[in-house]
Amino acid sequence: MSFSFFLPPPAPGGCGEGITFAVIGDYGGGDARAGAVAALVDSWSPDFIVTTGDNNYPDGAPDTIDTNIGQFYSDYIYPYRGSYGPGATSRRFYPALGNHDLSWDGGRPYFDYFTLPGNERYYTVWRWPVQLFILNSDGREPGGVHANSAQGDWLRRSLTASAAPWKLVVLHQPPFTSSLNREPALHLQWPYAEWGASAVLSGHDHFYERLESDGIPYFINGAGGYGLYAIGEPEPESVVRYNDDFGAMRIDATAMCIHYRFFNTAGELIDELRVENAGVGRWGVGVVRRERIRAE
């Protein structure tokens, strides 16, 4: 392994006093591997948690959902109807649908388990200074999964109307990937940057990868505990790839800065990207000030 550094790494607090949240993906196996990722996340005391899908393996069944999710994250779920404690007093868990979540009765156990905004399949959440736009990228989505679909039109309008300093799109299937066994989801290569997105986060491929397209970062965060996948020839958009261990992303944000980091379950920092808000134009376009790259 070799490491390249551009300026000293920022302080552990990331972007100073702001919000801290975790992103996990493809984690829903309910075993020790998922537990190790949950322990890592808990060590950060995040304000909330976002998922990139596949919350309940193997087939989204009602008899596994609480073991796979509530066992580790009941303290963040509101209202919580499971058996692992009282749950949260406000909503602090924002999942995206994955293909495995929809396998049982069209996702009925998922929709019964969570109470989410909007139509619950795709929705937006404000947690200043971040606005989340959580999509359903599965082909069974009634609102469609193409840029000109009803869901795509909702995202375009929502991003355009947003005044948030940081606008993060979350979905399951990755628009770009260096997976050995899967092709990028070309139909999901929507004009996110043109519509105003700051970054795109996905899962589905069980590893971590950071890519860049149209001037914004794309993250694959599918190393949440349910097996690890092989990485193939890097795509042109790929910057960083990692599949040695499971892990999670920690994101710290203020109105002027957002700091993306991926840690493995040993607490080792694998990759980070810090973006500072240059305050340019209506959208406050961010410019990269500092990054640390782990290279193969």
Protein backbone atom coordinates (compact mmCIF):
# COMPACT_ATOMS: atom_id res chain seq x y z
CA MET A 1 0.00 0.00 0.00
CA SER A 2 1.10 3.56 -0.64
CA PHE A 3 -0.30 6.76 0.73
CA SER A 4 -0.45 10.24 -0.76
CA PHE A 5 -1.18 13.31 1.32
CA PHE A 6 -2.31 16.79 0.29
CA LEU A 7 -1.87 19.13 3.26
CA PRO A 8 -2.01 17.80 6.80
CA PRO A 9 -5.13 15.83 7.70
CA PRO A 10 -7.77 17.87 9.52
CA ALA A 11 -8.41 17.60 13.22
CA PRO A 12 -10.47 14.61 14.44
CA GLY A 13 -13.52 16.85 14.77
CA GLY A 14 -13.71 17.06 10.99
CA CYS A 15 -15.37 20.37 10.19
CA GLY A 16 -15.64 21.81 13.68
CA GLU A 17 -18.91 22.30 15.53
CA GLY A 18 -21.70 20.96 13.34
CA ILE A 19 -23.50 17.68 12.79
CA THR A 20 -22.03 14.21 12.66
CA PHE A 21 -23.81 11.34 10.96
CA ALA A 22 -22.97 7.82 9.87
CA VAL A 23 -23.68 6.07 6.57
CA ILE A 24 -23.94 2.28 6.46
CA GLY A 25 -24.83 0.00 3.57
CA ASP A 26 -25.57 -3.68 2.94
CA TYR A 27 -25.38 -4.28 6.67
CA GLY A 28 -28.56 -6.21 7.44
CA GLY A 29 -27.29 -9.66 8.33
CA GLY A 30 -27.68 -9.46 12.10
CA ASP A 31 -24.40 -11.23 12.88
CA ALA A 32 -21.06 -10.31 14.48
CA ARG A 33 -19.80 -8.62 11.33
CA ALA A 34 -22.76 -6.25 11.32
CA GLY A 35 -22.29 -5.83 15.06
CA ALA A 36 -18.69 -4.70 14.57
CA VAL A 37 -19.85 -2.02 12.15
CA ALA A 38 -22.58 -0.96 14.59
CA ALA A 39 -20.01 -0.66 17.40
CA LEU A 40 -17.87 1.55 15.18
CA VAL A 41 -20.86 3.77 14.42
CA ASP A 42 -21.89 3.98 18.09
CA SER A 43 -18.38 5.10 19.03
CA TRP A 44 -18.99 8.29 17.07
CA SER A 45 -22.27 9.15 18.87
CA PRO A 46 -23.77 10.32 15.57
CA ASP A 47 -26.72 12.67 15.39
CA PHE A 48 -28.38 10.28 12.95
CA ILE A 49 -27.72 7.35 10.61
CA VAL A 50 -28.34 7.00 6.88
CA THR A 51 -28.37 3.67 5.03
CA THR A 52 -27.71 2.89 1.39
CA GLY A 53 -30.04 -0.11 1.38
CA ASP A 54 -30.22 -3.87 1.93
CA ASN A 55 -31.27 -3.41 5.51
CA ASN A 56 -32.76 -6.90 5.94
CA TYR A 57 -31.08 -9.95 4.43
CA PRO A 58 -31.65 -12.36 2.86
CA ASP A 59 -35.13 -11.62 1.57
CA GLY A 60 -36.67 -8.78 3.61
CA ALA A 61 -38.75 -11.13 5.77
CA PRO A 62 -40.76 -9.93 8.77
CA ASP A 63 -39.19 -12.48 11.14
CA THR A 64 -35.63 -11.22 10.52
CA ILE A 65 -36.07 -7.46 10.28
CA ASP A 66 -35.81 -6.60 13.97
CA THR A 67 -32.82 -8.87 14.52
CA ASN A 68 -31.09 -7.40 11.47
CA ILE A 69 -31.82 -3.75 12.24
CA GLY A 70 -33.27 -3.10 15.69
CA GLN A 71 -30.71 -5.30 17.45
CA PHE A 72 -28.06 -2.72 16.65
CA TYR A 73 -29.91 0.51 15.84
CA SER A 74 -33.10 0.65 17.92
CA ASP A 75 -31.79 3.74 19.76
CA TYR A 76 -32.01 5.68 16.49
CA ILE A 77 -35.40 4.47 15.23
CA TYR A 78 -38.64 6.36 15.90
CA PRO A 79 -41.25 5.18 16.38
CA TYR A 80 -39.69 1.85 17.27
CA ARG A 81 -41.97 -1.21 17.45
CA GLY A 82 -39.37 -3.92 18.02
CA SER A 83 -38.10 -5.80 21.05
CA TYR A 84 -34.65 -4.25 21.62
CA GLY A 85 -35.49 -1.47 24.06
CA PRO A 86 -37.66 1.64 23.94
CA GLY A 87 -36.23 3.16 20.76
CA ALA A 88 -35.50 6.81 20.04
CA THR A 89 -37.57 9.83 21.03
CA SER A 90 -37.21 11.35 17.56
CA ARG A 91 -36.36 10.01 14.12
CA ARG A 92 -32.61 9.51 13.73
CA PHE A 93 -32.52 6.64 11.21
CA TYR A 94 -33.04 7.25 7.49
CA PRO A 95 -32.90 4.08 5.38
CA ALA A 96 -32.89 3.67 1.62
CA LEU A 97 -34.56 0.67 0.05
CA GLY A 98 -32.36 -2.10 -1.34
CA ASN A 99 -33.34 -4.94 -3.63
CA HIS A 100 -33.33 -7.45 -0.74
CA ASP A 101 -35.70 -5.25 1.25
CA LEU A 102 -38.31 -5.52 -1.51
CA SER A 103 -38.17 -9.29 -1.95
CA TRP A 104 -40.88 -10.10 0.60
CA ASP A 105 -44.38 -8.98 -0.41
CA GLY A 106 -43.08 -5.90 -2.22
CA GLY A 107 -41.27 -4.66 0.89
CA ARG A 108 -44.26 -4.80 3.26
CA PRO A 109 -42.13 -5.75 6.34
CA TYR A 110 -39.89 -2.72 5.66
CA PHE A 111 -42.83 -0.32 5.38
CA ASP A 112 -44.45 -1.78 8.49
CA TYR A 113 -41.21 -1.47 10.46
CA PHE A 114 -40.30 2.12 9.54
CA THR A 115 -42.29 5.34 9.59
CA LEU A 116 -40.66 7.61 7.03
CA PRO A 117 -41.44 10.93 5.32
CA GLY A 118 -43.15 11.36 1.97
CA ASN A 119 -44.22 8.19 0.21
CA GLU A 120 -41.56 6.28 2.24
CA ARG A 121 -40.00 4.87 -0.95
CA TYR A 122 -38.23 8.11 -1.83
CA TYR A 123 -38.18 11.14 0.40
CA THR A 124 -36.19 14.14 1.58
CA VAL A 125 -34.95 15.07 5.05
CA TRP A 126 -33.49 18.37 6.34
CA ARG A 127 -30.85 18.08 9.04
CA TRP A 128 -29.12 21.44 8.81
CA PRO A 129 -26.75 22.05 7.08
CA VAL A 130 -27.47 18.87 5.09
CA GLN A 131 -30.49 17.92 3.04
CA LEU A 132 -30.82 14.23 2.19
CA PHE A 133 -32.60 13.06 -0.94
CA ILE A 134 -33.17 9.34 -0.48
CA LEU A 135 -34.23 7.45 -3.61
CA ASN A 136 -35.56 4.02 -4.46
CA SER A 137 -33.31 2.86 -7.29
CA ASP A 138 -34.89 -0.59 -7.62
CA GLY A 139 -36.60 -1.33 -10.92
CA ARG A 140 -39.83 -2.16 -9.09
CA GLU A 141 -40.26 1.49 -8.05
CA PRO A 142 -43.71 2.68 -9.30
CA GLY A 143 -42.31 6.17 -9.88
CA GLY A 144 -39.61 4.90 -12.25
CA VAL A 145 -35.83 4.86 -12.06
CA HIS A 146 -34.82 6.99 -15.02
CA ALA A 147 -33.97 10.69 -15.05
CA ASN A 148 -37.22 11.58 -16.82
CA SER A 149 -39.41 9.38 -14.57
CA ALA A 150 -41.74 10.69 -11.88
CA GLN A 151 -39.07 9.98 -9.26
CA GLY A 152 -36.40 11.66 -11.38
CA ASP A 153 -38.60 14.71 -11.84
CA TRP A 154 -39.22 14.84 -8.09
CA LEU A 155 -35.47 14.79 -7.45
CA ARG A 156 -34.75 17.46 -10.04
CA ARG A 157 -37.39 19.78 -8.62
CA SER A 158 -36.39 19.08 -5.02
CA LEU A 159 -32.69 19.68 -5.61
CA THR A 160 -33.37 22.85 -7.57
CA ALA A 161 -35.56 24.23 -4.81
CA SER A 162 -33.16 23.36 -1.99
CA ALA A 163 -31.24 26.08 -0.16
CA ALA A 164 -29.16 23.58 1.83
CA PRO A 165 -25.38 24.09 1.78
CA TRP A 166 -24.95 20.35 1.19
CA LYS A 167 -27.36 18.26 -0.85
CA LEU A 168 -26.68 14.52 -0.65
CA VAL A 169 -28.41 11.98 -2.91
CA VAL A 170 -28.68 8.47 -1.43
CA LEU A 171 -29.64 5.36 -3.39
CA HIS A 172 -28.84 1.64 -3.46
CA GLN A 173 -27.60 0.68 -6.93
CA PRO A 174 -24.43 2.63 -7.86
CA PRO A 175 -24.38 4.73 -11.02
CA PHE A 176 -20.62 4.07 -11.29
CA THR A 177 -18.73 1.06 -9.93
CA SER A 178 -15.49 -0.84 -10.35
CA SER A 179 -17.12 -4.10 -9.27
CA LEU A 180 -15.64 -7.25 -10.77
CA ASN A 181 -19.07 -8.83 -11.23
CA ARG A 182 -21.45 -5.94 -11.91
CA GLU A 183 -21.66 -3.21 -14.49
CA PRO A 184 -22.41 0.41 -13.55
CA ALA A 185 -26.13 1.22 -13.54
CA LEU A 186 -26.11 3.43 -16.61
CA HIS A 187 -29.81 4.26 -16.28
CA LEU A 188 -29.02 5.83 -12.89
CA GLN A 189 -26.38 8.20 -14.23
CA TRP A 190 -28.72 11.13 -13.84
CA PRO A 191 -27.42 14.73 -14.07
CA TYR A 192 -27.12 14.99 -10.29
CA ALA A 193 -24.47 17.72 -10.35
CA GLU A 194 -26.39 19.77 -12.90
CA TRP A 195 -29.47 19.56 -10.68
CA GLY A 196 -27.47 20.79 -7.68
CA ALA A 197 -26.33 17.68 -5.79
CA SER A 198 -23.17 17.90 -3.69
CA ALA A 199 -22.50 14.14 -3.64
CA VAL A 200 -24.11 10.78 -4.43
CA LEU A 201 -23.95 7.83 -1.99
CA SER A 202 -24.87 4.27 -2.90
CA GLY A 203 -24.33 0.65 -1.81
CA HIS A 204 -25.18 -2.70 -3.48
CA ASP A 205 -21.55 -3.55 -4.20
CA HIS A 206 -20.03 -4.83 -0.98
CA PHE A 207 -16.93 -2.67 -0.74
CA TYR A 208 -15.97 0.97 -0.42
CA GLU A 209 -15.17 3.09 -3.44
CA ARG A 210 -14.92 6.81 -4.07
CA LEU A 211 -15.38 8.03 -7.60
CA GLU A 212 -15.80 11.42 -9.21
CA SER A 213 -17.98 12.52 -12.12
CA ASP A 214 -19.14 15.95 -13.24
CA GLY A 215 -17.11 17.50 -10.45
CA ILE A 216 -18.85 15.81 -7.51
CA PRO A 217 -17.92 12.70 -5.48
CA TYR A 218 -19.77 9.41 -5.79
CA PHE A 219 -19.38 6.95 -2.92
CA ILE A 220 -20.11 3.23 -2.85
CA ASN A 221 -20.58 2.26 0.78
CA GLY A 222 -21.68 -1.37 0.79
CA ALA A 223 -19.22 -2.83 3.29
CA GLY A 224 -21.65 -2.84 6.20
CA GLY A 225 -21.18 -6.48 7.17
CA TYR A 226 -22.80 -8.86 4.66
CA GLY A 227 -19.83 -10.33 2.81
CA LEU A 228 -17.28 -8.47 0.70
CA TYR A 229 -17.11 -8.35 -3.10
CA ALA A 230 -14.17 -8.41 -5.47
CA ILE A 231 -13.07 -5.22 -7.20
CA GLY A 232 -12.20 -5.37 -10.88
CA GLU A 233 -10.45 -3.02 -13.26
CA PRO A 234 -10.95 0.54 -11.97
CA GLU A 235 -13.47 2.60 -13.87
CA PRO A 236 -12.22 5.95 -15.25
CA GLU A 237 -14.18 7.75 -12.51
CA SER A 238 -12.59 5.73 -9.68
CA VAL A 239 -10.31 7.43 -7.15
CA VAL A 240 -10.14 5.09 -4.13
CA ARG A 241 -11.11 1.42 -3.70
CA TYR A 242 -11.13 -0.77 -0.57
CA ASN A 243 -12.43 -4.25 0.22
CA ASP A 244 -10.09 -5.53 2.95
CA ASP A 245 -12.60 -5.15 5.79
CA PHE A 246 -16.08 -3.97 6.68
CA GLY A 247 -16.72 -0.41 7.79
CA ALA A 248 -18.84 2.72 7.69
CA MET A 249 -18.69 6.34 6.63
CA ARG A 250 -18.60 9.22 9.07
CA ILE A 251 -19.69 12.59 7.72
CA ASP A 252 -19.18 15.85 9.62
CA ALA A 253 -20.74 19.02 8.27
CA THR A 254 -21.13 22.71 8.96
CA ALA A 255 -22.53 25.30 6.58
CA MET A 256 -19.00 25.96 5.33
CA CYS A 257 -17.45 22.48 5.33
CA ILE A 258 -18.27 18.82 4.82
CA HIS A 259 -15.85 16.03 5.67
CA TYR A 260 -16.41 12.51 4.31
CA ARG A 261 -14.45 9.67 5.91
CA PHE A 262 -14.54 5.89 5.67
CA PHE A 263 -13.24 3.81 8.58
CA ASN A 264 -12.89 0.05 8.81
CA THR A 265 -14.05 -1.87 11.89
CA ALA A 266 -10.59 -1.58 13.44
CA GLY A 267 -11.08 2.19 13.46
CA GLU A 268 -8.48 2.76 10.74
CA LEU A 269 -9.07 5.72 8.46
CA ILE A 270 -9.16 4.38 4.91
CA ASP A 271 -10.17 7.44 2.91
CA GLU A 272 -11.27 11.01 3.46
CA LEU A 273 -12.44 13.92 1.40
CA ARG A 274 -12.93 17.40 2.84
CA VAL A 275 -14.87 19.98 0.84
CA GLU A 276 -15.19 23.62 1.80
CA ASN A 277 -18.07 25.75 0.67
CA ALA A 278 -16.72 28.53 -1.52
CA GLY A 279 -20.05 30.34 -1.45
CA VAL A 280 -20.08 30.72 -5.23
CA GLY A 281 -23.40 31.53 -6.83
CA ARG A 282 -26.85 30.41 -5.75
CA TRP A 283 -25.77 26.91 -4.78
CA GLY A 284 -22.64 27.80 -2.79
CA VAL A 285 -20.56 25.47 -4.92
CA GLY A 286 -17.97 23.60 -2.86
CA VAL A 287 -14.31 23.34 -3.76
CA VAL A 288 -11.97 20.61 -2.57
CA ARG A 289 -9.47 22.04 -0.09
CA ARG A 290 -7.91 18.93 1.40
CA GLU A 291 -7.96 15.21 0.83
CA ARG A 292 -6.10 12.11 1.86
CA ILE A 293 -6.03 9.23 -0.60
CA ARG A 294 -5.32 5.59 0.04
CA ALA A 295 -4.06 4.15 -3.22
CA GLU A 296 -3.51 0.55 -4.24
